[in-house]
Amino acid sequence: MLNMDKAMELMRQLHSRHLLTDETKCTQSNLDWLEEKGLVNRSPAIERKANGFTCCRCGVSHKRYFAHSPCEVCQKDCVYCRSCIMMGKAAECGFLYEWTGPQMEETCRAELTWQGELSKGQKRASERIIEAIKNKFDLLVWAV
């Protein structure tokens, strides 16, 4: 059975995230127990809709982002999302887990400070970024 330390570790891992089963590094029986206790929510990674599929991790629903391949988990030809494949294979037979138990208390606040001076180019870029944020427009910054 799952001990409290492992549950707290999982809480930190799942807080504000949707992770695939294998990303939780938790046994299926422990995930089932946590779900039964209302501490985690399990949802399908890929939803089958009338007009195709939707990836519940990245939200994509355009058919060009979905493919199928033989699946070692369900032993069938399984649909998966190609859009977010770099984060792990979100497949139709898979699930996403999110923490629904007690929320983490923020234990420290990080204050980001820097002692230094921006170059003329950095200063100009910084001002443009602030302007873009205030006026809600896109800006591409090339920083090397």
Foldseek 3Di string as FASTA:
>chain_A
DDDPVLLVVLLVVQAVAWAWPVVSVDDPVVVVVCVVVVFKDKDAQWDQDPVGIAGPHPGDGDPVQKDWDQDPPVRHTWIWGNVVCVRPTRIRPIIIMHTPPDHDDDDDDDDDDDDDDDDPVRVVVVVVVVVCVVVVHDDDDDDD
